[in-house]
């Protein structure tokens, strides 16, 4: 019964909803120019579920091990699907695609390893959340057809590159701290 309580939370349903948004994103991005405003609304809805799932988990005291897994997994799958499709239709450069996918795969694999070693799931950190937020804004600019040569786009794009590298290093150093046993009790 306790396991069912951990699964059956409002926050987990919000994360699951965001995870399922990957399907319409994949389909709609085939025709993203005529559907760009629908995609924009869908992306804003996805971002809202991302904000609200953490908010309600803390507010309702429903932070669960499953939630610590499904929330970042939903982010990674949604971002991964969108980035992959944007790459396939020629809307983002290949190095950007590989940096995002590579970072997420390494963090995912590392997270599995850490979880097996310490028996707990490391929650997302603020730098990772900021990285996903900035990548999300870049994606919104692309979906809306904003000129990729304007200064706001360029600032966000290059900031996202720095954040991709910085957040990966942040996760790496944090994982090493947990493996050394310095933070077992704070998970």
N, C-alpha and C. Protein backbone atom coordinates (compact mmCIF):
# COMPACT_ATOMS: atom_id res chain seq x y z
N UNK A 1 0.82 -1.20 0.00
CA UNK A 1 0.00 0.00 0.00
C UNK A 1 0.86 1.26 0.00
N UNK A 2 1.99 1.22 0.72
CA UNK A 2 2.88 2.37 0.77
C UNK A 2 3.47 2.68 -0.60
N UNK A 3 3.79 1.64 -1.38
CA UNK A 3 4.31 1.83 -2.73
C UNK A 3 3.29 2.53 -3.61
N UNK A 4 2.02 2.15 -3.48
CA UNK A 4 0.97 2.78 -4.27
C UNK A 4 0.84 4.27 -3.91
N UNK A 5 0.99 4.60 -2.62
CA UNK A 5 0.95 6.00 -2.20
C UNK A 5 2.07 6.80 -2.84
N UNK A 6 3.24 6.18 -2.99
CA UNK A 6 4.38 6.88 -3.59
C UNK A 6 4.15 7.12 -5.07
N UNK A 7 3.45 6.23 -5.72
CA UNK A 7 3.18 6.38 -7.15
C UNK A 7 2.02 7.34 -7.38
N UNK A 8 0.98 7.22 -6.60
CA UNK A 8 -0.27 7.94 -6.80
C UNK A 8 -0.23 9.33 -6.17
N UNK A 9 0.59 10.23 -6.76
CA UNK A 9 0.63 11.62 -6.28
C UNK A 9 0.34 12.56 -7.44
N UNK A 10 -0.19 13.72 -7.11
CA UNK A 10 -0.50 14.72 -8.12
C UNK A 10 0.76 15.12 -8.88
N UNK A 11 1.86 15.28 -8.16
CA UNK A 11 3.13 15.66 -8.78
C UNK A 11 3.60 14.63 -9.80
N UNK A 12 3.48 13.36 -9.46
CA UNK A 12 3.89 12.31 -10.40
C UNK A 12 3.00 12.30 -11.63
N UNK A 13 1.72 12.59 -11.45
CA UNK A 13 0.82 12.66 -12.62
C UNK A 13 1.20 13.83 -13.53
N UNK A 14 1.62 14.95 -12.94
CA UNK A 14 2.08 16.08 -13.76
C UNK A 14 3.33 15.70 -14.54
N UNK A 15 4.27 15.02 -13.89
CA UNK A 15 5.49 14.58 -14.58
C UNK A 15 5.16 13.59 -15.69
N UNK A 16 4.24 12.67 -15.41
CA UNK A 16 3.83 11.70 -16.42
C UNK A 16 3.17 12.39 -17.61
N UNK A 17 2.36 13.42 -17.33
CA UNK A 17 1.75 14.19 -18.41
C UNK A 17 2.82 14.81 -19.30
N UNK A 18 3.85 15.39 -18.68
CA UNK A 18 4.94 16.00 -19.46
C UNK A 18 5.68 14.93 -20.28
N UNK A 19 5.86 13.77 -19.70
CA UNK A 19 6.50 12.67 -20.41
C UNK A 19 5.69 12.29 -21.65
N UNK A 20 4.38 12.24 -21.51
CA UNK A 20 3.51 11.87 -22.63
C UNK A 20 3.43 12.96 -23.70
N UNK A 21 3.78 14.20 -23.35
CA UNK A 21 3.79 15.28 -24.34
C UNK A 21 4.81 15.04 -25.44
N UNK A 22 5.77 14.15 -25.19
CA UNK A 22 6.78 13.85 -26.21
C UNK A 22 6.12 13.32 -27.49
N UNK A 23 5.01 12.62 -27.37
CA UNK A 23 4.35 12.04 -28.54
C UNK A 23 3.79 13.12 -29.46
N UNK A 24 2.94 14.05 -28.94
CA UNK A 24 2.46 15.10 -29.87
C UNK A 24 3.58 16.00 -30.38
N UNK A 25 4.60 16.24 -29.56
CA UNK A 25 5.73 17.03 -30.04
C UNK A 25 6.37 16.38 -31.26
N UNK A 26 6.64 15.08 -31.16
CA UNK A 26 7.29 14.36 -32.25
C UNK A 26 6.45 14.46 -33.54
N UNK A 27 5.16 14.24 -33.40
CA UNK A 27 4.27 14.25 -34.57
C UNK A 27 4.13 15.66 -35.14
N UNK A 28 3.89 16.63 -34.28
CA UNK A 28 3.62 18.00 -34.74
C UNK A 28 4.86 18.68 -35.31
N UNK A 29 6.05 18.30 -34.87
CA UNK A 29 7.25 18.95 -35.38
C UNK A 29 7.53 18.60 -36.83
N UNK A 30 6.87 17.57 -37.37
CA UNK A 30 7.00 17.28 -38.80
C UNK A 30 6.48 18.45 -39.64
N UNK A 31 5.50 19.15 -39.11
CA UNK A 31 4.91 20.31 -39.80
C UNK A 31 4.97 21.53 -38.89
N UNK A 32 6.14 21.78 -38.33
CA UNK A 32 6.19 22.76 -37.26
C UNK A 32 5.91 24.19 -37.72
N UNK A 33 6.15 24.53 -38.99
CA UNK A 33 5.90 25.92 -39.41
C UNK A 33 4.40 26.25 -39.33
N UNK A 34 3.50 25.45 -39.93
CA UNK A 34 2.08 25.81 -39.78
C UNK A 34 1.53 25.55 -38.37
N UNK A 35 2.23 24.71 -37.60
CA UNK A 35 1.74 24.36 -36.26
C UNK A 35 2.51 25.07 -35.15
N UNK A 36 3.35 26.04 -35.51
CA UNK A 36 4.28 26.61 -34.53
C UNK A 36 3.58 27.21 -33.31
N UNK A 37 2.41 27.81 -33.47
CA UNK A 37 1.76 28.42 -32.31
C UNK A 37 1.13 27.36 -31.40
N UNK A 38 0.67 26.27 -31.99
CA UNK A 38 0.18 25.15 -31.17
C UNK A 38 1.34 24.51 -30.41
N UNK A 39 2.48 24.37 -31.09
CA UNK A 39 3.66 23.82 -30.44
C UNK A 39 4.13 24.73 -29.30
N UNK A 40 4.05 26.03 -29.53
CA UNK A 40 4.42 26.99 -28.49
C UNK A 40 3.55 26.79 -27.25
N UNK A 41 2.24 26.71 -27.46
CA UNK A 41 1.31 26.52 -26.34
C UNK A 41 1.59 25.19 -25.64
N UNK A 42 1.84 24.15 -26.41
CA UNK A 42 2.16 22.83 -25.84
C UNK A 42 3.45 22.90 -25.02
N UNK A 43 4.45 23.62 -25.53
CA UNK A 43 5.73 23.75 -24.82
C UNK A 43 5.55 24.54 -23.52
N UNK A 44 4.75 25.60 -23.56
CA UNK A 44 4.50 26.37 -22.35
C UNK A 44 3.74 25.51 -21.33
N UNK A 45 2.79 24.71 -21.81
CA UNK A 45 2.08 23.80 -20.92
C UNK A 45 3.05 22.80 -20.28
N UNK A 46 3.97 22.26 -21.10
CA UNK A 46 4.98 21.34 -20.57
C UNK A 46 5.85 21.99 -19.51
N UNK A 47 6.27 23.24 -19.76
CA UNK A 47 7.09 23.97 -18.79
C UNK A 47 6.30 24.21 -17.50
N UNK A 48 5.02 24.50 -17.65
CA UNK A 48 4.18 24.71 -16.48
C UNK A 48 4.07 23.44 -15.64
N UNK A 49 3.91 22.30 -16.29
CA UNK A 49 3.86 21.04 -15.53
C UNK A 49 5.18 20.79 -14.82
N UNK A 50 6.28 21.20 -15.44
CA UNK A 50 7.60 21.02 -14.82
C UNK A 50 7.72 21.87 -13.56
N UNK A 51 7.26 23.10 -13.63
CA UNK A 51 7.30 23.96 -12.46
C UNK A 51 6.35 23.44 -11.37
N UNK A 52 5.14 23.08 -11.77
CA UNK A 52 4.11 22.71 -10.79
C UNK A 52 4.38 21.36 -10.12
N UNK A 53 5.00 20.41 -10.83
CA UNK A 53 5.20 19.11 -10.18
C UNK A 53 6.11 19.24 -8.96
N UNK A 54 7.19 20.01 -9.10
CA UNK A 54 8.07 20.22 -7.95
C UNK A 54 7.42 21.04 -6.86
N UNK A 55 6.68 22.06 -7.27
CA UNK A 55 5.99 22.92 -6.30
C UNK A 55 5.01 22.10 -5.45
N UNK A 56 4.18 21.30 -6.11
CA UNK A 56 3.19 20.53 -5.36
C UNK A 56 3.82 19.39 -4.56
N UNK A 57 4.90 18.82 -5.08
CA UNK A 57 5.57 17.75 -4.33
C UNK A 57 6.06 18.30 -2.98
N UNK A 58 6.64 19.49 -3.00
CA UNK A 58 7.13 20.08 -1.75
C UNK A 58 5.96 20.58 -0.88
N UNK A 59 5.01 21.27 -1.50
CA UNK A 59 3.90 21.87 -0.75
C UNK A 59 3.02 20.79 -0.09
N UNK A 60 2.77 19.69 -0.81
CA UNK A 60 1.92 18.63 -0.28
C UNK A 60 2.72 17.54 0.43
N UNK A 61 4.01 17.79 0.60
CA UNK A 61 4.90 16.82 1.25
C UNK A 61 4.83 15.46 0.56
N UNK A 62 4.92 15.48 -0.78
CA UNK A 62 4.83 14.26 -1.58
C UNK A 62 6.09 14.03 -2.41
N UNK A 63 7.24 14.44 -1.88
CA UNK A 63 8.50 14.17 -2.56
C UNK A 63 8.77 12.67 -2.42
N UNK A 64 8.87 11.98 -3.56
CA UNK A 64 9.04 10.53 -3.55
C UNK A 64 10.26 10.15 -4.38
N UNK A 65 10.76 8.95 -4.14
CA UNK A 65 11.88 8.44 -4.94
C UNK A 65 11.46 8.33 -6.41
N UNK A 66 10.22 7.89 -6.64
CA UNK A 66 9.71 7.81 -8.02
C UNK A 66 9.66 9.19 -8.66
N UNK A 67 9.21 10.18 -7.90
CA UNK A 67 9.15 11.55 -8.41
C UNK A 67 10.53 12.08 -8.76
N UNK A 68 11.54 11.71 -7.96
CA UNK A 68 12.91 12.14 -8.24
C UNK A 68 13.43 11.53 -9.53
N UNK A 69 12.82 10.42 -9.94
CA UNK A 69 13.23 9.76 -11.19
C UNK A 69 12.40 10.30 -12.36
N UNK A 70 11.07 10.30 -12.20
CA UNK A 70 10.20 10.61 -13.33
C UNK A 70 10.28 12.08 -13.75
N UNK A 71 10.50 13.00 -12.80
CA UNK A 71 10.57 14.43 -13.15
C UNK A 71 11.74 14.72 -14.10
N UNK A 72 12.98 14.40 -13.72
CA UNK A 72 14.08 14.67 -14.67
C UNK A 72 14.02 13.79 -15.91
N UNK A 73 13.47 12.57 -15.78
CA UNK A 73 13.33 11.70 -16.94
C UNK A 73 12.36 12.32 -17.95
N UNK A 74 11.25 12.87 -17.46
CA UNK A 74 10.29 13.53 -18.34
C UNK A 74 10.95 14.71 -19.04
N UNK A 75 11.74 15.48 -18.30
CA UNK A 75 12.46 16.61 -18.90
C UNK A 75 13.39 16.12 -20.01
N UNK A 76 14.18 15.11 -19.69
CA UNK A 76 15.17 14.61 -20.64
C UNK A 76 14.52 14.02 -21.89
N UNK A 77 13.42 13.28 -21.70
CA UNK A 77 12.75 12.68 -22.85
C UNK A 77 12.09 13.76 -23.71
N UNK A 78 11.39 14.70 -23.08
CA UNK A 78 10.74 15.77 -23.86
C UNK A 78 11.77 16.60 -24.61
N UNK A 79 12.79 17.06 -23.90
CA UNK A 79 13.83 17.86 -24.54
C UNK A 79 14.52 17.01 -25.61
N UNK A 80 14.81 15.76 -25.30
CA UNK A 80 15.48 14.87 -26.26
C UNK A 80 14.67 14.67 -27.53
N UNK A 81 13.37 14.46 -27.38
CA UNK A 81 12.49 14.28 -28.55
C UNK A 81 12.46 15.55 -29.40
N UNK A 82 12.29 16.68 -28.74
CA UNK A 82 12.20 17.95 -29.47
C UNK A 82 13.53 18.26 -30.16
N UNK A 83 14.63 18.13 -29.43
CA UNK A 83 15.95 18.41 -30.01
C UNK A 83 16.25 17.46 -31.16
N UNK A 84 15.90 16.19 -31.00
CA UNK A 84 16.14 15.22 -32.07
C UNK A 84 15.36 15.60 -33.32
N UNK A 85 14.09 15.93 -33.15
CA UNK A 85 13.27 16.29 -34.31
C UNK A 85 13.78 17.59 -34.95
N UNK A 86 14.12 18.59 -34.12
CA UNK A 86 14.66 19.84 -34.67
C UNK A 86 15.97 19.60 -35.42
N UNK A 87 16.77 18.67 -34.93
CA UNK A 87 18.01 18.30 -35.62
C UNK A 87 17.69 17.62 -36.96
N UNK A 88 16.75 16.68 -36.93
CA UNK A 88 16.40 15.93 -38.14
C UNK A 88 15.79 16.82 -39.23
N UNK A 89 15.10 17.88 -38.83
CA UNK A 89 14.50 18.76 -39.83
C UNK A 89 15.38 19.99 -40.11
N UNK A 90 16.61 19.96 -39.60
CA UNK A 90 17.59 20.98 -39.95
C UNK A 90 17.43 22.31 -39.25
N UNK A 91 16.83 22.33 -38.07
CA UNK A 91 16.60 23.59 -37.36
C UNK A 91 17.66 23.90 -36.31
N UNK A 92 18.48 22.91 -35.94
CA UNK A 92 19.57 23.17 -35.00
C UNK A 92 20.84 22.51 -35.54
N UNK A 93 22.00 23.08 -35.18
CA UNK A 93 23.26 22.49 -35.65
C UNK A 93 23.55 21.16 -34.94
N UNK A 94 24.30 20.32 -35.63
CA UNK A 94 24.57 18.98 -35.09
C UNK A 94 25.32 19.03 -33.76
N UNK A 95 26.27 19.97 -33.60
CA UNK A 95 27.02 20.00 -32.34
C UNK A 95 26.10 20.30 -31.16
N UNK A 96 25.06 21.12 -31.36
CA UNK A 96 24.12 21.44 -30.30
C UNK A 96 23.31 20.20 -29.92
N UNK A 97 22.86 19.50 -30.93
CA UNK A 97 22.14 18.24 -30.72
C UNK A 97 22.99 17.27 -29.91
N UNK A 98 24.24 17.05 -30.35
CA UNK A 98 25.10 16.07 -29.68
C UNK A 98 25.47 16.50 -28.26
N UNK A 99 25.64 17.79 -28.03
CA UNK A 99 25.95 18.26 -26.68
C UNK A 99 24.79 18.00 -25.72
N UNK A 100 23.57 18.30 -26.16
CA UNK A 100 22.42 18.10 -25.28
C UNK A 100 22.17 16.62 -25.04
N UNK A 101 22.14 15.85 -26.11
CA UNK A 101 21.87 14.41 -25.97
C UNK A 101 22.99 13.73 -25.19
N UNK A 102 24.24 14.09 -25.49
CA UNK A 102 25.37 13.51 -24.78
C UNK A 102 25.33 13.81 -23.30
N UNK A 103 25.07 15.06 -22.94
CA UNK A 103 24.97 15.45 -21.53
C UNK A 103 23.89 14.64 -20.83
N UNK A 104 22.70 14.59 -21.45
CA UNK A 104 21.59 13.90 -20.81
C UNK A 104 21.83 12.40 -20.68
N UNK A 105 22.43 11.79 -21.69
CA UNK A 105 22.73 10.36 -21.59
C UNK A 105 23.76 10.08 -20.50
N UNK A 106 24.80 10.89 -20.44
CA UNK A 106 25.82 10.69 -19.41
C UNK A 106 25.26 10.90 -18.01
N UNK A 107 24.42 11.93 -17.84
CA UNK A 107 23.80 12.16 -16.54
C UNK A 107 22.85 11.02 -16.19
N UNK A 108 22.10 10.53 -17.16
CA UNK A 108 21.17 9.42 -16.92
C UNK A 108 21.93 8.14 -16.51
N UNK A 109 22.95 7.79 -17.27
CA UNK A 109 23.74 6.59 -16.96
C UNK A 109 24.45 6.76 -15.62
N UNK A 110 25.02 7.94 -15.40
CA UNK A 110 25.67 8.21 -14.11
C UNK A 110 24.69 8.13 -12.96
N UNK A 111 23.46 8.63 -13.18
CA UNK A 111 22.44 8.59 -12.14
C UNK A 111 22.07 7.17 -11.76
N UNK A 112 21.98 6.30 -12.75
CA UNK A 112 21.69 4.88 -12.48
C UNK A 112 22.82 4.28 -11.65
N UNK A 113 24.04 4.58 -12.04
CA UNK A 113 25.20 4.05 -11.32
C UNK A 113 25.21 4.53 -9.87
N UNK A 114 25.01 5.83 -9.67
CA UNK A 114 25.01 6.40 -8.32
C UNK A 114 23.89 5.79 -7.48
N UNK A 115 22.71 5.66 -8.07
CA UNK A 115 21.58 5.08 -7.35
C UNK A 115 21.88 3.66 -6.90
N UNK A 116 22.52 2.88 -7.77
CA UNK A 116 22.88 1.51 -7.38
C UNK A 116 23.93 1.50 -6.28
N UNK A 117 24.84 2.45 -6.30
CA UNK A 117 25.92 2.51 -5.31
C UNK A 117 25.43 2.96 -3.94
N UNK A 118 24.60 4.02 -3.89
CA UNK A 118 24.21 4.56 -2.58
C UNK A 118 22.79 4.20 -2.18
N UNK A 119 22.02 3.61 -3.12
CA UNK A 119 20.67 3.16 -2.79
C UNK A 119 19.62 4.26 -2.75
N UNK A 120 19.97 5.44 -3.22
CA UNK A 120 19.01 6.55 -3.26
C UNK A 120 19.18 7.29 -4.57
N UNK A 121 18.12 8.00 -4.96
CA UNK A 121 18.15 8.79 -6.19
C UNK A 121 18.59 10.20 -5.84
N UNK A 122 19.59 10.70 -6.55
CA UNK A 122 19.99 12.10 -6.35
C UNK A 122 18.95 13.00 -7.01
N UNK A 123 18.42 13.97 -6.29
CA UNK A 123 17.45 14.87 -6.91
C UNK A 123 18.16 15.83 -7.87
N UNK A 124 17.39 16.43 -8.75
CA UNK A 124 17.93 17.44 -9.67
C UNK A 124 18.49 18.59 -8.86
N UNK A 125 19.44 19.30 -9.46
CA UNK A 125 19.96 20.49 -8.79
C UNK A 125 19.59 21.74 -9.57
N UNK A 126 19.83 22.89 -8.97
CA UNK A 126 19.39 24.16 -9.56
C UNK A 126 20.09 24.43 -10.89
N UNK A 127 21.38 24.14 -10.99
CA UNK A 127 22.10 24.39 -12.23
C UNK A 127 21.50 23.57 -13.38
N UNK A 128 21.14 22.33 -13.11
CA UNK A 128 20.50 21.50 -14.13
C UNK A 128 19.15 22.07 -14.55
N UNK A 129 18.39 22.57 -13.58
CA UNK A 129 17.08 23.16 -13.89
C UNK A 129 17.23 24.43 -14.72
N UNK A 130 18.22 25.25 -14.38
CA UNK A 130 18.46 26.48 -15.15
C UNK A 130 18.88 26.12 -16.57
N UNK A 131 19.70 25.08 -16.71
CA UNK A 131 20.14 24.64 -18.03
C UNK A 131 18.96 24.23 -18.89
N UNK A 132 18.08 23.41 -18.34
CA UNK A 132 16.90 22.96 -19.08
C UNK A 132 16.01 24.16 -19.42
N UNK A 133 15.88 25.10 -18.51
CA UNK A 133 15.07 26.31 -18.75
C UNK A 133 15.62 27.10 -19.94
N UNK A 134 16.93 27.34 -19.95
CA UNK A 134 17.53 28.13 -21.03
C UNK A 134 17.44 27.38 -22.36
N UNK A 135 17.69 26.07 -22.35
CA UNK A 135 17.52 25.27 -23.57
C UNK A 135 16.07 25.37 -24.04
N UNK A 136 15.14 25.33 -23.10
CA UNK A 136 13.72 25.46 -23.44
C UNK A 136 13.40 26.78 -24.11
N UNK A 137 14.00 27.86 -23.64
CA UNK A 137 13.78 29.17 -24.25
C UNK A 137 14.35 29.19 -25.67
N UNK A 138 15.54 28.59 -25.85
CA UNK A 138 16.12 28.50 -27.20
C UNK A 138 15.17 27.73 -28.12
N UNK A 139 14.63 26.63 -27.62
CA UNK A 139 13.68 25.83 -28.40
C UNK A 139 12.45 26.66 -28.76
N UNK A 140 11.93 27.42 -27.79
CA UNK A 140 10.76 28.26 -28.07
C UNK A 140 11.06 29.30 -29.15
N UNK A 141 12.24 29.89 -29.10
CA UNK A 141 12.65 30.85 -30.14
C UNK A 141 12.64 30.18 -31.50
N UNK A 142 13.17 28.96 -31.57
CA UNK A 142 13.23 28.23 -32.84
C UNK A 142 11.82 27.90 -33.32
N UNK A 143 10.98 27.40 -32.42
CA UNK A 143 9.61 27.05 -32.79
C UNK A 143 8.86 28.28 -33.30
N UNK A 144 9.07 29.42 -32.67
CA UNK A 144 8.38 30.64 -33.09
C UNK A 144 8.98 31.27 -34.34
N UNK A 145 10.10 30.73 -34.80
CA UNK A 145 10.72 31.24 -36.02
C UNK A 145 11.47 32.55 -35.81
N UNK A 146 11.90 32.80 -34.57
CA UNK A 146 12.66 34.02 -34.27
C UNK A 146 14.00 33.94 -35.01
N UNK A 147 14.41 35.05 -35.58
CA UNK A 147 15.66 35.13 -36.33
C UNK A 147 16.84 34.69 -35.44
N UNK A 148 17.58 33.69 -35.90
CA UNK A 148 18.70 33.14 -35.13
C UNK A 148 19.91 34.07 -35.11
N UNK A 149 19.84 35.17 -35.82
CA UNK A 149 20.94 36.12 -35.84
C UNK A 149 20.76 37.29 -34.88
N UNK A 150 19.59 37.38 -34.24
CA UNK A 150 19.37 38.52 -33.33
C UNK A 150 20.09 38.27 -32.01
N UNK A 151 20.46 39.36 -31.36
CA UNK A 151 21.25 39.29 -30.14
C UNK A 151 20.61 38.46 -29.02
N UNK A 152 19.31 38.62 -28.71
CA UNK A 152 18.74 37.80 -27.64
C UNK A 152 18.86 36.29 -27.91
N UNK A 153 18.64 35.88 -29.16
CA UNK A 153 18.78 34.46 -29.49
C UNK A 153 20.23 34.02 -29.29
N UNK A 154 21.16 34.79 -29.82
CA UNK A 154 22.58 34.43 -29.72
C UNK A 154 23.04 34.35 -28.27
N UNK A 155 22.59 35.29 -27.46
CA UNK A 155 22.96 35.25 -26.03
C UNK A 155 22.43 33.99 -25.38
N UNK A 156 21.16 33.68 -25.62
CA UNK A 156 20.57 32.48 -25.01
C UNK A 156 21.22 31.20 -25.55
N UNK A 157 21.49 31.16 -26.84
CA UNK A 157 22.09 29.97 -27.45
C UNK A 157 23.47 29.70 -26.84
N UNK A 158 24.31 30.73 -26.79
CA UNK A 158 25.66 30.52 -26.26
C UNK A 158 25.66 30.33 -24.75
N UNK A 159 24.73 30.96 -24.07
CA UNK A 159 24.57 30.71 -22.63
C UNK A 159 24.19 29.25 -22.40
N UNK A 160 23.31 28.71 -23.24
CA UNK A 160 22.91 27.31 -23.08
C UNK A 160 24.10 26.38 -23.29
N UNK A 161 25.01 26.72 -24.20
CA UNK A 161 26.20 25.89 -24.41
C UNK A 161 27.07 25.86 -23.15
N UNK A 162 27.29 27.03 -22.57
CA UNK A 162 28.08 27.11 -21.33
C UNK A 162 27.39 26.32 -20.22
N UNK A 163 26.07 26.47 -20.11
CA UNK A 163 25.32 25.78 -19.07
C UNK A 163 25.33 24.26 -19.28
N UNK A 164 25.29 23.80 -20.51
CA UNK A 164 25.34 22.37 -20.79
C UNK A 164 26.62 21.78 -20.21
N UNK A 165 27.73 22.42 -20.49
CA UNK A 165 29.03 21.95 -19.98
C UNK A 165 29.09 22.12 -18.46
N UNK A 166 28.70 23.31 -17.98
CA UNK A 166 28.76 23.57 -16.54
C UNK A 166 27.87 22.66 -15.72
N UNK A 167 26.67 22.41 -16.20
CA UNK A 167 25.76 21.55 -15.44
C UNK A 167 26.24 20.10 -15.45
N UNK A 168 26.83 19.66 -16.56
CA UNK A 168 27.38 18.31 -16.58
C UNK A 168 28.50 18.19 -15.56
N UNK A 169 29.40 19.16 -15.54
CA UNK A 169 30.50 19.13 -14.56
C UNK A 169 29.95 19.21 -13.14
N UNK A 170 28.91 20.02 -12.94
CA UNK A 170 28.28 20.10 -11.62
C UNK A 170 27.71 18.76 -11.18
N UNK A 171 27.03 18.06 -12.07
CA UNK A 171 26.50 16.74 -11.75
C UNK A 171 27.64 15.76 -11.47
N UNK A 172 28.70 15.84 -12.25
CA UNK A 172 29.84 14.94 -12.08
C UNK A 172 30.48 15.14 -10.71
N UNK A 173 30.78 16.38 -10.34
CA UNK A 173 31.41 16.65 -9.05
C UNK A 173 30.49 16.28 -7.89
N UNK A 174 29.21 16.53 -8.06
CA UNK A 174 28.24 16.18 -7.02
C UNK A 174 28.17 14.66 -6.84
N UNK A 175 28.17 13.93 -7.95
CA UNK A 175 28.14 12.47 -7.87
C UNK A 175 29.39 11.94 -7.18
N UNK A 176 30.53 12.53 -7.49
CA UNK A 176 31.78 12.10 -6.84
C UNK A 176 31.74 12.34 -5.34
N UNK A 177 31.14 13.46 -4.92
CA UNK A 177 30.99 13.73 -3.48
C UNK A 177 30.14 12.66 -2.80
N UNK A 178 29.03 12.29 -3.46
CA UNK A 178 28.16 11.27 -2.88
C UNK A 178 28.86 9.92 -2.84
N UNK A 179 29.63 9.62 -3.86
CA UNK A 179 30.34 8.34 -3.87
C UNK A 179 31.40 8.27 -2.77
N UNK A 180 32.00 9.41 -2.46
CA UNK A 180 32.99 9.45 -1.38
C UNK A 180 32.32 9.31 -0.02
N UNK A 181 30.99 9.41 0.01
CA UNK A 181 30.26 9.25 1.26
C UNK A 181 30.05 10.52 2.02
N UNK A 182 30.36 11.65 1.40
CA UNK A 182 30.25 12.93 2.09
C UNK A 182 28.82 13.39 2.27
N UNK A 183 27.88 12.88 1.47
CA UNK A 183 26.54 13.44 1.53
C UNK A 183 25.43 12.39 1.58
N UNK A 184 25.72 11.20 2.01
CA UNK A 184 24.70 10.16 2.03
C UNK A 184 23.47 10.59 2.82
N UNK A 185 23.68 11.23 3.93
CA UNK A 185 22.55 11.54 4.80
C UNK A 185 21.70 12.68 4.28
N UNK A 186 22.18 13.46 3.31
CA UNK A 186 21.40 14.62 2.86
C UNK A 186 20.56 14.34 1.61
N UNK A 187 20.53 13.11 1.13
CA UNK A 187 19.73 12.81 -0.06
C UNK A 187 18.28 12.71 0.35
